[in-house]
C-alpha cells in the first residue's frame, strides 16, 4: 500500500492511509489476529457475519421495494 505525501502534509497522508486501510479491512484483520482463534470459533463467527450480511441485504431490498 502506498500513500503519497504532498507538500509535507503528513496529516492528510495519514488520513488517506487510514481510509485505505479501512477499505481493505486491515483494521478488522489486525483485531482478529491479536489472539488465536480456534477453527470452530472462526466458523461460528463467519457464519454469524454471513447471517448479518444477509439480513442487512434483505432490509435494504425491502426498503428499496417499498415493502
N, C-alpha and C. Protein backbone atom coordinates (compact mmCIF):
# COMPACT_ATOMS: atom_id res chain seq x y z
N UNK A 1 0.85 -1.16 0.00
CA UNK A 1 0.00 0.00 0.00
C UNK A 1 0.90 1.23 0.00
N UNK A 2 0.54 2.19 -0.81
CA UNK A 2 1.38 3.36 -0.98
C UNK A 2 0.54 4.62 -0.84
N UNK A 3 1.11 5.60 -0.12
CA UNK A 3 0.44 6.88 0.06
C UNK A 3 1.45 7.98 -0.27
N UNK A 4 1.04 8.89 -1.12
CA UNK A 4 1.92 9.99 -1.49
C UNK A 4 1.74 11.15 -0.50
N UNK A 5 2.87 11.72 -0.08
CA UNK A 5 2.84 12.89 0.81
C UNK A 5 3.10 14.11 -0.06
N UNK A 6 2.13 15.00 -0.10
CA UNK A 6 2.27 16.20 -0.93
C UNK A 6 2.50 17.42 -0.04
N UNK A 7 3.45 18.23 -0.40
CA UNK A 7 3.77 19.48 0.31
C UNK A 7 4.00 19.25 1.80
N UNK A 8 4.64 18.13 2.15
CA UNK A 8 4.95 17.79 3.55
C UNK A 8 3.70 17.80 4.43
N UNK A 9 2.56 17.46 3.86
CA UNK A 9 1.31 17.42 4.61
C UNK A 9 1.12 16.00 5.15
N UNK A 10 1.73 15.73 6.29
CA UNK A 10 1.71 14.40 6.90
C UNK A 10 0.30 14.04 7.38
N UNK A 11 -0.41 15.01 7.95
CA UNK A 11 -1.74 14.73 8.49
C UNK A 11 -2.68 14.21 7.41
N UNK A 12 -2.64 14.84 6.25
CA UNK A 12 -3.50 14.39 5.16
C UNK A 12 -3.09 13.00 4.68
N UNK A 13 -1.79 12.74 4.63
CA UNK A 13 -1.31 11.43 4.20
C UNK A 13 -1.75 10.34 5.18
N UNK A 14 -1.74 10.65 6.48
CA UNK A 14 -2.19 9.68 7.48
C UNK A 14 -3.68 9.41 7.32
N UNK A 15 -4.46 10.46 7.07
CA UNK A 15 -5.91 10.27 6.86
C UNK A 15 -6.17 9.38 5.64
N UNK A 16 -5.41 9.62 4.57
CA UNK A 16 -5.57 8.81 3.35
C UNK A 16 -5.19 7.36 3.64
N UNK A 17 -4.10 7.16 4.38
CA UNK A 17 -3.66 5.81 4.73
C UNK A 17 -4.72 5.09 5.56
N UNK A 18 -5.27 5.77 6.56
CA UNK A 18 -6.31 5.17 7.40
C UNK A 18 -7.53 4.79 6.57
N UNK A 19 -7.91 5.66 5.65
CA UNK A 19 -9.07 5.38 4.79
C UNK A 19 -8.82 4.16 3.92
N UNK A 20 -7.60 4.06 3.36
CA UNK A 20 -7.26 2.90 2.53
C UNK A 20 -7.26 1.62 3.36
N UNK A 21 -6.70 1.69 4.57
CA UNK A 21 -6.66 0.52 5.44
C UNK A 21 -8.08 0.09 5.83
N UNK A 22 -8.95 1.06 6.06
CA UNK A 22 -10.34 0.76 6.41
C UNK A 22 -11.03 0.04 5.26
N UNK A 23 -10.83 0.53 4.05
CA UNK A 23 -11.45 -0.10 2.88
C UNK A 23 -10.94 -1.52 2.65
N UNK A 24 -9.65 -1.74 2.89
CA UNK A 24 -9.05 -3.06 2.69
C UNK A 24 -9.41 -4.02 3.81
N UNK A 25 -9.92 -3.50 4.92
CA UNK A 25 -10.28 -4.36 6.04
C UNK A 25 -9.09 -4.74 6.91
N UNK A 26 -8.03 -3.96 6.86
CA UNK A 26 -6.83 -4.30 7.63
C UNK A 26 -7.02 -4.11 9.13
N UNK A 27 -7.78 -3.10 9.53
CA UNK A 27 -8.01 -2.88 10.96
C UNK A 27 -8.75 -4.06 11.57
N UNK A 28 -9.76 -4.54 10.85
CA UNK A 28 -10.55 -5.68 11.33
C UNK A 28 -9.68 -6.93 11.41
N UNK A 29 -8.85 -7.14 10.38
CA UNK A 29 -7.98 -8.31 10.36
C UNK A 29 -6.95 -8.26 11.49
N UNK A 30 -6.38 -7.09 11.75
CA UNK A 30 -5.41 -6.96 12.83
C UNK A 30 -6.07 -7.26 14.17
N UNK A 31 -7.30 -6.80 14.36
CA UNK A 31 -8.03 -7.05 15.60
C UNK A 31 -8.28 -8.55 15.76
N UNK A 32 -8.66 -9.22 14.67
CA UNK A 32 -8.95 -10.65 14.74
C UNK A 32 -7.69 -11.47 15.02
N UNK A 33 -6.54 -11.01 14.57
CA UNK A 33 -5.30 -11.77 14.71
C UNK A 33 -4.56 -11.49 16.02
N UNK A 34 -5.11 -10.64 16.88
CA UNK A 34 -4.43 -10.35 18.15
C UNK A 34 -4.28 -11.59 19.01
N UNK A 35 -5.28 -12.47 18.93
CA UNK A 35 -5.24 -13.70 19.72
C UNK A 35 -5.65 -14.85 18.82
N UNK A 36 -5.18 -16.06 19.15
CA UNK A 36 -5.52 -17.23 18.36
C UNK A 36 -7.02 -17.51 18.45
N UNK A 37 -7.58 -17.87 17.33
CA UNK A 37 -8.99 -18.21 17.29
C UNK A 37 -9.11 -19.65 16.81
N UNK A 38 -9.76 -20.47 17.61
CA UNK A 38 -9.91 -21.87 17.24
C UNK A 38 -10.75 -21.97 15.96
N UNK A 39 -10.48 -22.99 15.14
CA UNK A 39 -11.23 -23.13 13.89
C UNK A 39 -12.74 -23.19 14.10
N UNK A 40 -13.19 -23.84 15.17
CA UNK A 40 -14.63 -23.92 15.42
C UNK A 40 -15.20 -22.53 15.73
N UNK A 41 -14.47 -21.73 16.51
CA UNK A 41 -14.91 -20.37 16.82
C UNK A 41 -14.91 -19.51 15.56
N UNK A 42 -13.93 -19.75 14.69
CA UNK A 42 -13.85 -19.00 13.44
C UNK A 42 -15.07 -19.29 12.56
N UNK A 43 -15.43 -20.56 12.46
CA UNK A 43 -16.61 -20.93 11.67
C UNK A 43 -17.87 -20.29 12.23
N UNK A 44 -18.00 -20.31 13.55
CA UNK A 44 -19.17 -19.71 14.20
C UNK A 44 -19.23 -18.21 13.89
N UNK A 45 -18.09 -17.52 14.02
CA UNK A 45 -18.03 -16.08 13.75
C UNK A 45 -18.36 -15.78 12.30
N UNK A 46 -17.77 -16.55 11.38
CA UNK A 46 -18.01 -16.30 9.97
C UNK A 46 -19.46 -16.56 9.59
N UNK A 47 -20.07 -17.59 10.19
CA UNK A 47 -21.48 -17.87 9.91
C UNK A 47 -22.36 -16.73 10.42
N UNK A 48 -22.04 -16.22 11.61
CA UNK A 48 -22.81 -15.10 12.17
C UNK A 48 -22.66 -13.86 11.28
N UNK A 49 -21.45 -13.62 10.77
CA UNK A 49 -21.24 -12.48 9.88
C UNK A 49 -22.03 -12.64 8.58
N UNK A 50 -22.08 -13.87 8.06
CA UNK A 50 -22.83 -14.12 6.83
C UNK A 50 -24.32 -13.88 7.05
N UNK A 51 -24.84 -14.33 8.19
CA UNK A 51 -26.25 -14.11 8.52
C UNK A 51 -26.53 -12.62 8.63
N UNK A 52 -25.62 -11.90 9.27
CA UNK A 52 -25.79 -10.45 9.43
C UNK A 52 -25.79 -9.76 8.06
N UNK A 53 -24.86 -10.15 7.18
CA UNK A 53 -24.83 -9.56 5.83
C UNK A 53 -26.12 -9.85 5.08
N UNK A 54 -26.62 -11.07 5.21
CA UNK A 54 -27.86 -11.46 4.52
C UNK A 54 -29.04 -10.63 5.03
N UNK A 55 -29.14 -10.49 6.35
CA UNK A 55 -30.24 -9.70 6.92
C UNK A 55 -30.17 -8.25 6.48
N UNK A 56 -28.95 -7.71 6.44
CA UNK A 56 -28.77 -6.33 6.00
C UNK A 56 -29.20 -6.17 4.54
N UNK A 57 -28.82 -7.13 3.70
CA UNK A 57 -29.21 -7.08 2.29
C UNK A 57 -30.72 -7.18 2.14
N UNK A 58 -31.35 -8.02 2.96
CA UNK A 58 -32.80 -8.17 2.89
C UNK A 58 -33.50 -6.87 3.33
N UNK A 59 -32.99 -6.23 4.40
CA UNK A 59 -33.56 -4.96 4.84
C UNK A 59 -33.45 -3.91 3.73
N UNK A 60 -32.27 -3.88 3.10
CA UNK A 60 -32.05 -2.92 2.03
C UNK A 60 -32.99 -3.19 0.86
N UNK A 61 -33.17 -4.46 0.52
CA UNK A 61 -34.05 -4.84 -0.58
C UNK A 61 -35.50 -4.48 -0.26
N UNK A 62 -35.92 -4.73 0.98
CA UNK A 62 -37.30 -4.41 1.38
C UNK A 62 -37.53 -2.90 1.35
N UNK A 63 -36.53 -2.15 1.80
CA UNK A 63 -36.65 -0.69 1.80
C UNK A 63 -36.74 -0.16 0.36
N UNK A 64 -35.93 -0.74 -0.52
CA UNK A 64 -35.93 -0.31 -1.91
C UNK A 64 -37.24 -0.66 -2.61
N UNK A 65 -37.78 -1.85 -2.32
CA UNK A 65 -39.01 -2.30 -2.96
C UNK A 65 -40.26 -1.70 -2.31
N UNK A 66 -40.07 -0.98 -1.23
CA UNK A 66 -41.21 -0.35 -0.57
C UNK A 66 -42.03 -1.32 0.26
N UNK A 67 -41.35 -2.37 0.75
CA UNK A 67 -42.08 -3.40 1.49
C UNK A 67 -42.09 -3.15 2.93
